PDB file of N, CA and C in Angstrom:
ATOM      1  N   MET A   1       0.825  -1.152   0.295  1.00  0.00           N
ATOM      2  CA  MET A   1      -0.046   0.252   0.427  1.00  0.00           C
ATOM      3  C   MET A   1       0.707   1.180  -0.323  1.00  0.00           C
ATOM      4  N   ARG A   2       1.935   1.380   0.626  1.00  0.00           N
ATOM      5  CA  ARG A   2       2.740   2.230   0.683  1.00  0.00           C
ATOM      6  C   ARG A   2       3.493   2.300  -0.455  1.00  0.00           C
ATOM      7  N   ALA A   3       4.387   1.749  -0.877  1.00  0.00           N
ATOM      8  CA  ALA A   3       4.689   1.719  -2.374  1.00  0.00           C
ATOM      9  C   ALA A   3       3.365   2.226  -3.189  1.00  0.00           C
ATOM     10  N   LEU A   4       2.474   1.781  -3.449  1.00  0.00           N
ATOM     11  CA  LEU A   4       1.652   2.433  -4.085  1.00  0.00           C
ATOM     12  C   LEU A   4       1.351   4.148  -3.789  1.00  0.00           C
ATOM     13  N   LEU A   5       1.242   4.343  -2.995  1.00  0.00           N
ATOM     14  CA  LEU A   5       0.809   6.045  -2.377  1.00  0.00           C
ATOM     15  C   LEU A   5       2.350   6.637  -3.285  1.00  0.00           C
ATOM     16  N   VAL A   6       3.771   5.976  -3.194  1.00  0.00           N
ATOM     17  CA  VAL A   6       4.888   6.483  -2.971  1.00  0.00           C
ATOM     18  C   VAL A   6       4.832   6.740  -4.604  1.00  0.00           C
ATOM     19  N   THR A   7       4.676   5.346  -5.287  1.00  0.00           N
ATOM     20  CA  THR A   7       4.348   5.659  -6.775  1.00  0.00           C
ATOM     21  C   THR A   7       3.164   6.499  -7.424  1.00  0.00           C
ATOM     22  N   ALA A   8       2.128   6.424  -6.801  1.00  0.00           N
ATOM     23  CA  ALA A   8       1.383   7.893  -7.250  1.00  0.00           C
ATOM     24  C   ALA A   8       1.305   9.077  -6.748  1.00  0.00           C
ATOM     25  N   GLY A   9       2.282   9.077  -5.727  1.00  0.00           N
ATOM     26  CA  GLY A   9       2.650  10.873  -5.575  1.00  0.00           C
ATOM     27  C   GLY A   9       3.644  10.972  -6.799  1.00  0.00           C
ATOM     28  N   LEU A  10       4.785  10.041  -7.250  1.00  0.00           N
ATOM     29  CA  LEU A  10       5.894  10.392  -7.764  1.00  0.00           C
ATOM     30  C   LEU A  10       5.233  10.964  -9.581  1.00  0.00           C
ATOM     31  N   ALA A  11       3.894   9.774  -9.739  1.00  0.00           N
ATOM     32  CA  ALA A  11       3.646  10.330 -11.160  1.00  0.00           C
ATOM     33  C   ALA A  11       3.137  11.023 -11.196  1.00  0.00           C
ATOM     34  N   ALA A  12       2.216  12.047 -10.244  1.00  0.00           N
ATOM     35  CA  ALA A  12       1.534  12.795 -10.047  1.00  0.00           C
ATOM     36  C   ALA A  12       2.936  14.398 -10.284  1.00  0.00           C
ATOM     37  N   ALA A  13       3.889  14.308  -9.485  1.00  0.00           N
ATOM     38  CA  ALA A  13       4.945  15.099  -9.929  1.00  0.00           C
ATOM     39  C   ALA A  13       5.067  15.256 -10.577  1.00  0.00           C
ATOM     40  N   ILE A  14       5.495  14.200 -11.718  1.00  0.00           N
ATOM     41  CA  ILE A  14       5.873  14.303 -13.373  1.00  0.00           C
ATOM     42  C   ILE A  14       5.109  14.582 -14.349  1.00  0.00           C
ATOM     43  N   VAL A  15       3.478  14.420 -13.734  1.00  0.00           N
ATOM     44  CA  VAL A  15       2.442  14.877 -14.880  1.00  0.00           C
ATOM     45  C   VAL A  15       2.483  16.964 -14.597  1.00  0.00           C
ATOM     46  N   ALA A  16       2.917  17.050 -13.455  1.00  0.00           N
ATOM     47  CA  ALA A  16       2.693  18.575 -12.766  1.00  0.00           C
ATOM     48  C   ALA A  16       3.867  18.966 -13.734  1.00  0.00           C
ATOM     49  N   ALA A  17       5.140  18.454 -13.083  1.00  0.00           N
ATOM     50  CA  ALA A  17       6.807  18.985 -13.796  1.00  0.00           C
ATOM     51  C   ALA A  17       6.314  19.361 -15.314  1.00  0.00           C
ATOM     52  N   GLY A  18       5.594  18.136 -16.140  1.00  0.00           N
ATOM     53  CA  GLY A  18       5.569  18.382 -17.694  1.00  0.00           C
ATOM     54  C   GLY A  18       4.373  18.993 -18.172  1.00  0.00           C
ATOM     55  N   ALA A  19       3.344  19.613 -17.016  1.00  0.00           N
ATOM     56  CA  ALA A  19       2.366  20.640 -17.482  1.00  0.00           C
ATOM     57  C   ALA A  19       3.104  21.560 -17.713  1.00  0.00           C
ATOM     58  N   SER A  20       3.937  22.115 -16.395  1.00  0.00           N
ATOM     59  CA  SER A  20       4.560  23.643 -16.511  1.00  0.00           C
ATOM     60  C   SER A  20       5.770  23.610 -17.719  1.00  0.00           C
ATOM     61  N   ALA A  21       6.319  22.686 -17.695  1.00  0.00           N
ATOM     62  CA  ALA A  21       7.240  22.397 -18.514  1.00  0.00           C
ATOM     63  C   ALA A  21       6.974  22.897 -19.889  1.00  0.00           C
ATOM     64  N   GLY A  22       5.866  22.428 -20.110  1.00  0.00           N
ATOM     65  CA  GLY A  22       5.116  23.006 -21.708  1.00  0.00           C
ATOM     66  C   GLY A  22       4.918  24.566 -21.727  1.00  0.00           C
ATOM     67  N   HIS A  23       4.498  25.367 -20.493  1.00  0.00           N
ATOM     68  CA  HIS A  23       3.882  26.192 -20.704  1.00  0.00           C
ATOM     69  C   HIS A  23       5.347  27.551 -20.618  1.00  0.00           C
ATOM     70  N   ALA A  24       6.408  26.604 -19.803  1.00  0.00           N
ATOM     71  CA  ALA A  24       7.002  27.816 -20.037  1.00  0.00           C
ATOM     72  C   ALA A  24       7.726  28.020 -21.357  1.00  0.00           C
ATOM     73  N   GLN A  25       7.787  27.173 -22.563  1.00  0.00           N
ATOM     74  CA  GLN A  25       8.365  26.754 -23.838  1.00  0.00           C
ATOM     75  C   GLN A  25       7.417  27.884 -24.745  1.00  0.00           C
ATOM     76  N   VAL A  26       6.620  28.430 -24.382  1.00  0.00           N
ATOM     77  CA  VAL A  26       5.533  29.124 -24.953  1.00  0.00           C
ATOM     78  C   VAL A  26       5.899  30.768 -25.028  1.00  0.00           C
ATOM     79  N   PRO A  27       6.203  31.039 -26.148  1.00  0.00           N
ATOM     80  CA  PRO A  27       6.922  32.479 -26.071  1.00  0.00           C
ATOM     81  C   PRO A  27       5.821  33.914 -25.862  1.00  0.00           C
ATOM     82  N   SER A  28       6.544  34.701 -25.346  1.00  0.00           N
ATOM     83  CA  SER A  28       5.603  35.551 -24.692  1.00  0.00           C
ATOM     84  C   SER A  28       5.681  36.975 -25.845  1.00  0.00           C
ATOM     85  N   PRO A  29       4.791  37.814 -26.128  1.00  0.00           N
ATOM     86  CA  PRO A  29       5.604  38.766 -26.934  1.00  0.00           C
ATOM     87  C   PRO A  29       6.199  39.814 -25.706  1.00  0.00           C
ATOM     88  N   VAL A  30       7.137  40.737 -26.279  1.00  0.00           N
ATOM     89  CA  VAL A  30       8.112  41.107 -26.272  1.00  0.00           C
ATOM     90  C   VAL A  30       7.187  43.168 -25.443  1.00  0.00           C
ATOM     91  N   GLY A  31       7.031  43.192 -26.212  1.00  0.00           N
ATOM     92  CA  GLY A  31       5.593  44.594 -25.400  1.00  0.00           C
ATOM     93  C   GLY A  31       5.100  44.829 -26.407  1.00  0.00           C
ATOM     94  N   PRO A  32       4.617  46.114 -26.919  1.00  0.00           N
ATOM     95  CA  PRO A  32       3.784  46.696 -27.636  1.00  0.00           C
ATOM     96  C   PRO A  32       4.198  46.612 -29.328  1.00  0.00           C
ATOM     97  N   ILE A  33       3.982  46.460 -30.492  1.00  0.00           N
ATOM     98  CA  ILE A  33       4.353  46.450 -31.548  1.00  0.00           C
ATOM     99  C   ILE A  33       4.106  48.108 -32.011  1.00  0.00           C
ATOM    100  N   TYR A  34       5.580  48.723 -32.662  1.00  0.00           N
ATOM    101  CA  TYR A  34       5.117  49.961 -33.444  1.00  0.00           C
ATOM    102  C   TYR A  34       5.678  49.834 -35.024  1.00  0.00           C
ATOM    103  N   PRO A  35       4.665  49.343 -35.477  1.00  0.00           N
ATOM    104  CA  PRO A  35       5.085  48.999 -37.192  1.00  0.00           C
ATOM    105  C   PRO A  35       5.463  50.368 -37.505  1.00  0.00           C
ATOM    106  N   TRP A  36       5.682  51.602 -37.392  1.00  0.00           N
ATOM    107  CA  TRP A  36       6.083  52.722 -38.189  1.00  0.00           C
ATOM    108  C   TRP A  36       7.023  53.620 -37.814  1.00  0.00           C
ATOM    109  N   CYS A  37       8.097  54.208 -38.426  1.00  0.00           N
ATOM    110  CA  CYS A  37       9.326  54.980 -37.952  1.00  0.00           C
ATOM    111  C   CYS A  37       9.026  56.686 -38.948  1.00  0.00           C
ATOM    112  N   ALA A  38       9.511  57.455 -38.220  1.00  0.00           N
ATOM    113  CA  ALA A  38       9.336  58.824 -38.813  1.00  0.00           C
ATOM    114  C   ALA A  38      11.191  59.314 -38.676  1.00  0.00           C
ATOM    115  N   ASP A  39      11.539  59.733 -39.800  1.00  0.00           N
ATOM    116  CA  ASP A  39      12.583  60.094 -40.500  1.00  0.00           C
ATOM    117  C   ASP A  39      12.532  61.683 -40.440  1.00  0.00           C
ATOM    118  N   TYR A  40      12.528  62.331 -39.740  1.00  0.00           N
ATOM    119  CA  TYR A  40      12.887  63.529 -39.372  1.00  0.00           C
ATOM    120  C   TYR A  40      13.721  64.335 -40.756  1.00  0.00           C
ATOM    121  N   GLY A  41      14.526  63.956 -40.877  1.00  0.00           N
ATOM    122  CA  GLY A  41      15.417  65.079 -41.675  1.00  0.00           C
ATOM    123  C   GLY A  41      15.866  66.202 -41.091  1.00  0.00           C
ATOM    124  N   GLY A  42      16.186  67.365 -42.233  1.00  0.00           N
ATOM    125  CA  GLY A  42      16.765  68.702 -41.540  1.00  0.00           C
ATOM    126  C   GLY A  42      17.973  68.209 -41.343  1.00  0.00           C
ATOM    127  N   ARG A  43      18.725  69.583 -41.273  1.00  0.00           N
ATOM    128  CA  ARG A  43      19.582  69.802 -41.254  1.00  0.00           C
ATOM    129  C   ARG A  43      20.844  69.395 -40.131  1.00  0.00           C
ATOM    130  N   GLY A  44      22.128  68.626 -40.274  1.00  0.00           N
ATOM    131  CA  GLY A  44      22.728  67.876 -39.422  1.00  0.00           C
ATOM    132  C   GLY A  44      22.307  66.677 -39.268  1.00  0.00           C
ATOM    133  N   GLY A  45      21.421  66.318 -39.672  1.00  0.00           N
ATOM    134  CA  GLY A  45      20.534  64.643 -40.019  1.00  0.00           C
ATOM    135  C   GLY A  45      19.054  64.229 -39.087  1.00  0.00           C
ATOM    136  N   GLY A  46      18.359  65.435 -38.262  1.00  0.00           N
ATOM    137  CA  GLY A  46      17.382  65.307 -37.975  1.00  0.00           C
ATOM    138  C   GLY A  46      17.261  64.434 -36.984  1.00  0.00           C
ATOM    139  N   GLY A  47      16.450  63.328 -37.239  1.00  0.00           N
ATOM    140  CA  GLY A  47      16.491  62.450 -35.713  1.00  0.00           C
ATOM    141  C   GLY A  47      15.517  61.183 -36.575  1.00  0.00           C
ATOM    142  N   THR A  48      15.654  60.115 -35.870  1.00  0.00           N
ATOM    143  CA  THR A  48      14.632  59.027 -36.135  1.00  0.00           C
ATOM    144  C   THR A  48      13.180  58.188 -34.902  1.00  0.00           C
ATOM    145  N   ASN A  49      12.627  58.313 -35.089  1.00  0.00           N
ATOM    146  CA  ASN A  49      11.406  57.852 -34.009  1.00  0.00           C
ATOM    147  C   ASN A  49      10.722  56.546 -34.244  1.00  0.00           C
ATOM    148  N   CYS A  50      10.593  55.660 -33.896  1.00  0.00           N
ATOM    149  CA  CYS A  50      10.021  54.495 -34.272  1.00  0.00           C
ATOM    150  C   CYS A  50       8.976  54.027 -33.094  1.00  0.00           C
ATOM    151  N   TYR A  51       8.031  54.886 -32.469  1.00  0.00           N
ATOM    152  CA  TYR A  51       6.738  54.311 -31.678  1.00  0.00           C
ATOM    153  C   TYR A  51       5.666  54.969 -32.510  1.00  0.00           C
ATOM    154  N   PHE A  52       5.226  54.666 -33.566  1.00  0.00           N
ATOM    155  CA  PHE A  52       4.004  55.223 -34.044  1.00  0.00           C
ATOM    156  C   PHE A  52       3.604  53.962 -34.175  1.00  0.00           C
ATOM    157  N   ALA A  53       1.674  53.283 -33.152  1.00  0.00           N
ATOM    158  CA  ALA A  53       1.124  52.924 -33.975  1.00  0.00           C
ATOM    159  C   ALA A  53       0.403  52.189 -35.099  1.00  0.00           C
ATOM    160  N   ASN A  54       0.366  53.631 -35.775  1.00  0.00           N
ATOM    161  CA  ASN A  54      -0.420  53.599 -37.013  1.00  0.00           C
ATOM    162  C   ASN A  54       0.397  54.721 -37.980  1.00  0.00           C
ATOM    163  N   LEU A  55      -0.022  54.997 -39.384  1.00  0.00           N
ATOM    164  CA  LEU A  55       0.695  55.622 -40.345  1.00  0.00           C
ATOM    165  C   LEU A  55      -0.099  56.822 -39.797  1.00  0.00           C
ATOM    166  N   TRP A  56      -0.974  57.241 -39.611  1.00  0.00           N
ATOM    167  CA  TRP A  56      -1.629  58.926 -39.533  1.00  0.00           C
ATOM    168  C   TRP A  56      -0.650  59.337 -38.233  1.00  0.00           C
ATOM    169  N   GLN A  57      -0.293  58.513 -37.015  1.00  0.00           N
ATOM    170  CA  GLN A  57      -0.040  59.176 -36.196  1.00  0.00           C
ATOM    171  C   GLN A  57       1.728  59.466 -36.698  1.00  0.00           C
ATOM    172  N   CYS A  58       2.179  58.852 -37.245  1.00  0.00           N
ATOM    173  CA  CYS A  58       3.444  59.326 -37.850  1.00  0.00           C
ATOM    174  C   CYS A  58       3.223  60.331 -38.844  1.00  0.00           C
ATOM    175  N   GLN A  59       2.308  59.954 -39.556  1.00  0.00           N
ATOM    176  CA  GLN A  59       2.165  60.927 -41.412  1.00  0.00           C
ATOM    177  C   GLN A  59       1.904  62.747 -39.657  1.00  0.00           C
ATOM    178  N   GLN A  60       1.150  62.955 -38.903  1.00  0.00           N
ATOM    179  CA  GLN A  60       1.005  63.825 -37.895  1.00  0.00           C
ATOM    180  C   GLN A  60       2.573  64.539 -37.587  1.00  0.00           C
ATOM    181  N   ALA A  61       3.325  63.399 -37.137  1.00  0.00           N
ATOM    182  CA  ALA A  61       4.703  64.522 -36.614  1.00  0.00           C
ATOM    183  C   ALA A  61       5.416  64.632 -37.903  1.00  0.00           C
ATOM    184  N   VAL A  62       5.208  64.241 -38.788  1.00  0.00           N
ATOM    185  CA  VAL A  62       6.685  64.982 -39.872  1.00  0.00           C
ATOM    186  C   VAL A  62       5.550  65.755 -40.745  1.00  0.00           C
ATOM    187  N   SER A  63       4.141  66.645 -40.776  1.00  0.00           N
ATOM    188  CA  SER A  63       3.759  67.062 -41.450  1.00  0.00           C
ATOM    189  C   SER A  63       4.290  68.731 -41.237  1.00  0.00           C
ATOM    190  N   GLY A  64       4.961  68.942 -42.021  1.00  0.00           N
ATOM    191  CA  GLY A  64       5.186  70.160 -42.252  1.00  0.00           C
ATOM    192  C   GLY A  64       7.277  70.154 -42.401  1.00  0.00           C
ATOM    193  N   ASN A  65       7.556  69.059 -41.867  1.00  0.00           N
ATOM    194  CA  ASN A  65       9.159  69.518 -41.329  1.00  0.00           C
ATOM    195  C   ASN A  65      10.007  68.508 -42.449  1.00  0.00           C
ATOM    196  N   GLY A  66       9.467  68.325 -43.404  1.00  0.00           N
ATOM    197  CA  GLY A  66      10.222  67.390 -44.182  1.00  0.00           C
ATOM    198  C   GLY A  66      10.274  66.446 -44.344  1.00  0.00           C
ATOM    199  N   GLY A  67       9.645  66.281 -42.865  1.00  0.00           N
ATOM    200  CA  GLY A  67      10.398  63.991 -42.737  1.00  0.00           C
ATOM    201  C   GLY A  67       9.172  63.368 -43.626  1.00  0.00           C
ATOM    202  N   PHE A  68       9.755  61.985 -43.547  1.00  0.00           N
ATOM    203  CA  PHE A  68       8.580  60.973 -44.143  1.00  0.00           C
ATOM    204  C   PHE A  68       8.292  59.819 -42.945  1.00  0.00           C
ATOM    205  N   CYS A  69       7.517  59.054 -43.552  1.00  0.00           N
ATOM    206  CA  CYS A  69       7.323  57.824 -42.355  1.00  0.00           C
ATOM    207  C   CYS A  69       7.844  56.257 -43.405  1.00  0.00           C
ATOM    208  N   TYR A  70       8.031  55.227 -42.638  1.00  0.00           N
ATOM    209  CA  TYR A  70       8.468  53.559 -42.821  1.00  0.00           C
ATOM    210  C   TYR A  70       8.099  53.014 -42.016  1.00  0.00           C
ATOM    211  N   GLU A  71       8.000  51.810 -42.579  1.00  0.00           N
ATOM    212  CA  GLU A  71       7.711  50.772 -41.886  1.00  0.00           C
ATOM    213  C   GLU A  71       8.653  50.538 -40.986  1.00  0.00           C
ATOM    214  N   ASN A  72       8.552  50.341 -40.066  1.00  0.00           N
ATOM    215  CA  ASN A  72       9.497  49.729 -38.905  1.00  0.00           C
ATOM    216  C   ASN A  72      10.139  48.235 -38.901  1.00  0.00           C
ATOM    217  N   PRO A  73      11.908  47.913 -39.328  1.00  0.00           N
ATOM    218  CA  PRO A  73      12.252  47.046 -40.142  1.00  0.00           C
ATOM    219  C   PRO A  73      12.035  46.110 -38.879  1.00  0.00           C
ATOM    220  N   PHE A  74      12.331  46.593 -37.833  1.00  0.00           N
ATOM    221  CA  PHE A  74      12.576  45.341 -36.676  1.00  0.00           C
ATOM    222  C   PHE A  74      11.507  45.254 -36.312  1.00  0.00           C
ATOM    223  N   ALA A  75      10.036  45.927 -36.130  1.00  0.00           N
ATOM    224  CA  ALA A  75       8.492  45.416 -35.673  1.00  0.00           C
ATOM    225  C   ALA A  75       8.424  43.632 -35.685  1.00  0.00           C
ATOM    226  N   TRP A  76       8.539  43.409 -36.974  1.00  0.00           N
ATOM    227  CA  TRP A  76       7.965  42.560 -37.382  1.00  0.00           C
ATOM    228  C   TRP A  76       8.860  41.222 -37.363  1.00  0.00           C
ATOM    229  N   SER A  77       9.854  41.513 -36.390  1.00  0.00           N
ATOM    230  CA  SER A  77      10.748  40.170 -35.987  1.00  0.00           C
ATOM    231  C   SER A  77      10.250  39.463 -34.368  1.00  0.00           C
ATOM    232  N   GLN A  78       9.607  40.473 -33.890  1.00  0.00           N
ATOM    233  CA  GLN A  78       9.017  40.234 -32.345  1.00  0.00           C
ATOM    234  C   GLN A  78       7.725  40.048 -32.613  1.00  0.00           C
ATOM    235  N   ALA A  79       7.184  40.155 -33.708  1.00  0.00           N
ATOM    236  CA  ALA A  79       5.262  40.123 -33.617  1.00  0.00           C
ATOM    237  C   ALA A  79       5.224  38.624 -33.543  1.00  0.00           C
ATOM    238  N   PRO A  80       3.696  38.604 -32.495  1.00  0.00           N
ATOM    239  CA  PRO A  80       3.596  36.904 -31.968  1.00  0.00           C
ATOM    240  C   PRO A  80       2.538  36.731 -33.384  1.00  0.00           C
ATOM    241  N   ALA A  81       2.678  35.583 -33.839  1.00  0.00           N
ATOM    242  CA  ALA A  81       1.847  34.731 -34.454  1.00  0.00           C
ATOM    243  C   ALA A  81      -0.234  35.527 -34.752  1.00  0.00           C
ATOM    244  N   GLY A  82      -0.152  35.748 -35.862  1.00  0.00           N
ATOM    245  CA  GLY A  82      -1.740  36.391 -35.991  1.00  0.00           C
ATOM    246  C   GLY A  82      -1.947  37.579 -36.337  1.00  0.00           C
ATOM    247  N   VAL A  83      -0.826  38.417 -36.357  1.00  0.00           N
ATOM    248  CA  VAL A  83      -0.240  39.891 -36.610  1.00  0.00           C
ATOM    249  C   VAL A  83      -0.367  40.318 -37.437  1.00  0.00           C
ATOM    250  N   ALA A  84      -1.285  41.129 -38.470  1.00  0.00           N
ATOM    251  CA  ALA A  84      -0.818  41.272 -39.705  1.00  0.00           C
ATOM    252  C   ALA A  84       0.037  42.434 -39.796  1.00  0.00           C
ATOM    253  N   ARG A  85       1.135  42.258 -41.194  1.00  0.00           N
ATOM    254  CA  ARG A  85       1.596  43.702 -41.349  1.00  0.00           C
ATOM    255  C   ARG A  85       0.542  44.781 -41.865  1.00  0.00           C
ATOM    256  N   PRO A  86       1.166  46.195 -41.763  1.00  0.00           N
ATOM    257  CA  PRO A  86       0.262  46.917 -42.372  1.00  0.00           C
ATOM    258  C   PRO A  86       0.280  47.030 -43.771  1.00  0.00           C
ATOM    259  N   ARG A  87      -0.819  47.490 -44.668  1.00  0.00           N
ATOM    260  CA  ARG A  87      -0.272  47.371 -46.569  1.00  0.00           C
ATOM    261  C   ARG A  87       0.418  48.947 -46.054  1.00  0.00           C
ATOM    262  N   LYS A  88       1.516  48.870 -47.473  1.00  0.00           N
ATOM    263  CA  LYS A  88       2.124  49.663 -47.746  1.00  0.00           C
ATOM    264  C   LYS A  88       1.706  51.074 -47.942  1.00  0.00           C
ATOM    265  N   ALA A  89       1.472  51.878 -47.753  1.00  0.00           N
ATOM    266  CA  ALA A  89       1.376  53.079 -47.726  1.00  0.00           C
ATOM    267  C   ALA A  89       1.298  53.946 -48.710  1.00  0.00           C
ATOM    268  N   LYS A  90       0.326  54.378 -49.829  1.00  0.00           N
ATOM    269  CA  LYS A  90       0.387  55.047 -51.664  1.00  0.00           C
ATOM    270  C   LYS A  90       1.190  56.713 -50.669  1.00  0.00           C
ATOM    271  N   ARG A  91       1.745  56.906 -51.691  1.00  0.00           N
ATOM    272  CA  ARG A  91       2.632  58.248 -51.194  1.00  0.00           C
ATOM    273  C   ARG A  91       1.734  59.284 -52.422  1.00  0.00           C
ATOM    274  N   HIS A  92       1.754  60.206 -51.545  1.00  0.00           N
ATOM    275  CA  HIS A  92       0.954  61.189 -52.395  1.00  0.00           C
ATOM    276  C   HIS A  92       1.970  62.800 -52.617  1.00  0.00           C
ATOM    277  N   SER A  93       2.029  63.225 -53.251  1.00  0.00           N
ATOM    278  CA  SER A  93       2.594  64.251 -53.624  1.00  0.00           C
ATOM    279  C   SER A  93       1.751  65.292 -53.282  1.00  0.00           C
ATOM    280  N   GLY A  94       2.466  66.259 -52.531  1.00  0.00           N
ATOM    281  CA  GLY A  94       1.766  67.589 -52.470  1.00  0.00           C
ATOM    282  C   GLY A  94       1.756  68.078 -50.798  1.00  0.00           C
TER     283      GLY A  94
END
């Protein structure tokens, strides 16, 4: 009887360890994904900001200062499965 209880306890411990190990292998998102960057241009090089959640935010940031927006080249290497890439923006002159 005692051997049966020890065996049952050992089996339960192995099952619990296996279940927790399975959860440890699931990657978690690193943080929010910011798919758009702004290059501000200007004299002396300007600057870059890659913390825009959408194209509209980026366009508002570069409006009137000669900058431009582009897709963040690093955002999609860390995106969780099922997150769609933004479509390419159409360039408008004027």
